[in-house]
Amino acid sequence: MQTLGYWKLRLAALSVLLAALVAGIAGTVEARNTGPPDTTPATSNLASFQVQVRDFSFSPNTLTTVANDPVTITVTNSGPAAHTFTIAGVADSGSIAAGQTRNVQFTPTRAGDLTFFCTIHGQAVMSGRISVMNPATNPVQPSQQQPAQPPVQQPAPPAPRPQVVMQPPSTGDAGLLTIEAE
């Protein structure tokens, strides 16, 4: 029984250390908290989402937006434990206490997927995805198409190597082969 208590103590100490490490890393990401929700009318270029955090999940956990359009995500913590809404290198809500709401604002600059997660509980446990589309592929805003990028030139293939012809040995050369390049 004493061994079980020892391992529980070690696991608790490791959990505290891991939480401190994650909190330290989270502190290096710039946060843009705007407090209560904005009451100004939304424009057609502003994507606005409502996300609830509860226990170990985000709801919804998949969002879609368009590159170069400002995004506001209102995050409400409906669970009993503190959480964050973090996109590494893009936005961080900071710790959101139980029952609290924070706004996260950012503007995605290119198409692709962004992963949001809770830094307190870790990306492997608690995460979601934002799909960012090119304005050209968004059927709602065809007038905002950007010019196509020129194709990337591929390097030229290497020059073919000269063919080597092997000749059979001739009489009197002690059986040596002669190699001639054409």
Protein backbone atom coordinates (compact mmCIF):
# COMPACT_ATOMS: atom_id res chain seq x y z
CA MET A 1 0.00 0.00 0.00
CA GLN A 2 2.85 2.35 0.77
CA THR A 3 4.20 1.96 -2.79
CA LEU A 4 0.84 3.00 -4.29
CA GLY A 5 0.90 6.25 -2.27
CA TYR A 6 4.44 6.95 -3.43
CA TRP A 7 3.42 6.67 -7.08
CA LYS A 8 0.33 8.82 -6.57
CA LEU A 9 2.55 11.50 -5.05
CA ARG A 10 4.99 11.30 -7.98
CA LEU A 11 2.10 11.50 -10.50
CA ALA A 12 0.67 14.56 -8.73
CA ALA A 13 4.09 16.27 -8.70
CA LEU A 14 4.57 15.50 -12.40
CA SER A 15 1.10 16.92 -13.18
CA VAL A 16 1.90 20.16 -11.35
CA LEU A 17 5.23 20.45 -13.17
CA LEU A 18 3.59 19.85 -16.55
CA ALA A 19 0.86 22.43 -15.82
CA ALA A 20 3.51 25.00 -14.86
CA LEU A 21 5.45 24.29 -18.04
CA VAL A 22 2.35 24.67 -20.21
CA ALA A 23 1.40 27.89 -18.42
CA GLY A 24 4.91 29.26 -19.03
CA ILE A 25 4.71 28.46 -22.72
CA ALA A 26 1.22 29.95 -22.95
CA GLY A 27 2.51 33.19 -21.44
CA THR A 28 4.71 33.77 -24.50
CA VAL A 29 1.75 33.97 -26.92
CA GLU A 30 0.25 37.41 -27.48
CA ALA A 31 -3.29 37.70 -26.15
CA ARG A 32 -5.96 39.97 -27.56
CA ASN A 33 -8.77 39.95 -25.03
CA THR A 34 -11.49 42.47 -25.66
CA GLY A 35 -13.63 41.80 -22.60
CA PRO A 36 -17.42 41.73 -23.08
CA PRO A 37 -18.87 41.09 -26.55
CA ASP A 38 -18.77 44.02 -28.97
CA THR A 39 -22.19 45.66 -29.43
CA THR A 40 -21.38 47.40 -32.74
CA PRO A 41 -23.12 45.98 -35.81
CA ALA A 42 -21.13 43.29 -37.59
CA THR A 43 -19.97 43.95 -41.12
CA SER A 44 -20.09 41.40 -43.94
CA ASN A 45 -16.30 40.90 -43.70
CA LEU A 46 -16.29 40.01 -40.00
CA ALA A 47 -16.59 36.34 -39.09
CA SER A 48 -18.10 35.88 -35.65
CA PHE A 49 -18.34 32.57 -33.79
CA GLN A 50 -19.67 31.41 -30.42
CA VAL A 51 -17.71 28.56 -28.80
CA GLN A 52 -18.54 26.87 -25.51
CA VAL A 53 -15.89 25.15 -23.42
CA ARG A 54 -17.02 22.39 -21.09
CA ASP A 55 -15.01 19.69 -19.35
CA PHE A 56 -12.50 18.58 -22.01
CA SER A 57 -14.16 19.77 -25.24
CA PHE A 58 -15.00 22.76 -27.40
CA SER A 59 -18.45 23.07 -28.99
CA PRO A 60 -18.39 23.45 -31.91
CA ASN A 61 -14.90 22.07 -32.44
CA THR A 62 -14.75 22.85 -36.19
CA LEU A 63 -15.10 26.36 -37.67
CA THR A 64 -14.70 27.71 -41.23
CA THR A 65 -13.65 31.22 -42.28
CA VAL A 66 -11.96 33.09 -45.14
CA ALA A 67 -8.36 34.31 -45.32
CA ASN A 68 -7.80 38.04 -44.67
CA ASP A 69 -11.20 38.48 -42.95
CA PRO A 70 -11.14 39.51 -39.28
CA VAL A 71 -12.43 36.79 -36.94
CA THR A 72 -14.00 37.24 -33.51
CA ILE A 73 -14.60 34.15 -31.39
CA THR A 74 -16.62 34.56 -28.20
CA VAL A 75 -15.52 31.78 -25.86
CA THR A 76 -17.74 30.90 -22.89
CA ASN A 77 -16.49 28.50 -20.21
CA SER A 78 -19.55 26.46 -19.20
CA GLY A 79 -17.54 23.93 -17.20
CA PRO A 80 -16.26 23.90 -13.61
CA ALA A 81 -12.52 24.18 -14.46
CA ALA A 82 -10.51 27.01 -16.03
CA HIS A 83 -9.65 26.70 -19.75
CA THR A 84 -7.96 28.69 -22.52
CA PHE A 85 -8.67 29.15 -26.22
CA THR A 86 -5.26 29.25 -27.91
CA ILE A 87 -4.02 29.19 -31.49
CA ALA A 88 -0.22 28.93 -31.22
CA GLY A 89 1.46 32.07 -32.53
CA VAL A 90 -1.90 33.66 -33.46
CA ALA A 91 -4.18 34.24 -30.44
CA ASP A 92 -4.60 33.30 -26.79
CA SER A 93 -7.57 34.07 -24.56
CA GLY A 94 -5.61 33.60 -21.36
CA SER A 95 -7.22 31.61 -18.55
CA ILE A 96 -11.03 31.71 -18.64
CA ALA A 97 -12.54 30.93 -15.24
CA ALA A 98 -15.72 28.86 -14.88
CA GLY A 99 -18.77 30.85 -16.00
CA GLN A 100 -16.67 33.57 -17.70
CA THR A 101 -16.59 34.72 -21.34
CA ARG A 102 -13.70 36.13 -23.40
CA ASN A 103 -13.40 37.36 -26.98
CA VAL A 104 -10.48 36.29 -29.14
CA GLN A 105 -9.77 38.32 -32.30
CA PHE A 106 -7.36 37.64 -35.15
CA THR A 107 -7.14 37.81 -38.93
CA PRO A 108 -5.95 34.65 -40.72
CA THR A 109 -3.60 35.67 -43.54
CA ARG A 110 -3.60 32.49 -45.63
CA ALA A 111 -5.68 29.42 -46.38
CA GLY A 112 -5.12 26.24 -44.39
CA ASP A 113 -6.05 24.73 -41.05
CA LEU A 114 -5.48 26.33 -37.65
CA THR A 115 -5.64 24.22 -34.50
CA PHE A 116 -7.10 25.75 -31.36
CA PHE A 117 -6.60 24.11 -27.99
CA CYS A 118 -6.62 24.54 -24.22
CA THR A 119 -3.11 25.15 -22.90
CA ILE A 120 -4.17 24.01 -19.43
CA HIS A 121 -5.29 20.55 -20.56
CA GLY A 122 -3.10 20.20 -23.67
CA GLN A 123 -3.65 19.96 -27.40
CA ALA A 124 -3.79 16.16 -27.38
CA VAL A 125 -6.69 16.20 -24.88
CA MET A 126 -8.67 19.31 -25.86
CA SER A 127 -8.51 20.82 -29.35
CA GLY A 128 -10.47 21.86 -32.43
CA ARG A 129 -9.86 23.16 -35.96
CA ILE A 130 -10.49 26.31 -37.98
CA SER A 131 -10.50 25.78 -41.76
CA VAL A 132 -9.37 28.95 -43.53
CA MET A 133 -10.40 29.11 -47.19
CA ASN A 134 -9.01 31.31 -49.96
CA PRO A 135 -11.37 34.18 -50.81
CA ALA A 136 -11.35 32.90 -54.41
CA THR A 137 -12.87 29.57 -53.33
CA ASN A 138 -15.54 31.15 -51.14
CA PRO A 139 -18.72 31.34 -53.25
CA VAL A 140 -20.17 34.11 -51.04
CA GLN A 141 -17.42 36.61 -51.88
CA PRO A 142 -16.34 36.09 -55.53
CA SER A 143 -15.45 39.79 -55.98
CA GLN A 144 -12.52 39.52 -53.57
CA GLN A 145 -10.51 37.09 -55.67
CA GLN A 146 -6.78 37.56 -55.48
CA PRO A 147 -4.52 37.17 -58.53
CA ALA A 148 -3.21 33.68 -59.05
CA GLN A 149 0.36 33.08 -57.99
CA PRO A 150 2.80 32.12 -60.78
CA PRO A 151 3.61 28.41 -60.80
CA VAL A 152 6.74 27.41 -58.98
CA GLN A 153 9.44 26.35 -61.42
CA GLN A 154 10.78 22.88 -60.83
CA PRO A 155 14.54 22.38 -61.10
CA ALA A 156 15.73 20.92 -64.39
CA PRO A 157 16.40 17.18 -64.32
CA PRO A 158 20.10 16.25 -64.22
CA ALA A 159 21.84 15.75 -67.57
CA PRO A 160 21.92 12.10 -68.70
CA ARG A 161 25.14 10.30 -67.90
CA PRO A 162 27.23 9.08 -70.85
CA GLN A 163 26.68 5.45 -71.74
CA VAL A 164 29.63 3.17 -70.99
CA VAL A 165 30.33 0.37 -73.46
CA MET A 166 32.27 -2.64 -72.28
CA GLN A 167 34.33 -4.50 -74.85
CA PRO A 168 35.26 -8.19 -74.57
CA PRO A 169 38.94 -8.89 -74.02
CA SER A 170 41.07 -9.24 -77.12
CA THR A 171 43.68 -11.94 -77.67
CA GLY A 172 46.97 -11.38 -75.92
CA ASP A 173 45.85 -8.75 -73.38
CA ALA A 174 45.83 -11.20 -70.46
CA GLY A 175 42.01 -11.13 -70.16
CA LEU A 176 41.69 -7.44 -69.15
CA LEU A 177 38.52 -5.52 -70.05
CA THR A 178 38.69 -2.20 -71.83
CA ILE A 179 36.09 0.45 -70.93
CA GLU A 180 35.42 3.17 -73.44
CA ALA A 181 33.06 6.13 -73.00
CA GLU A 182 31.25 7.27 -76.09
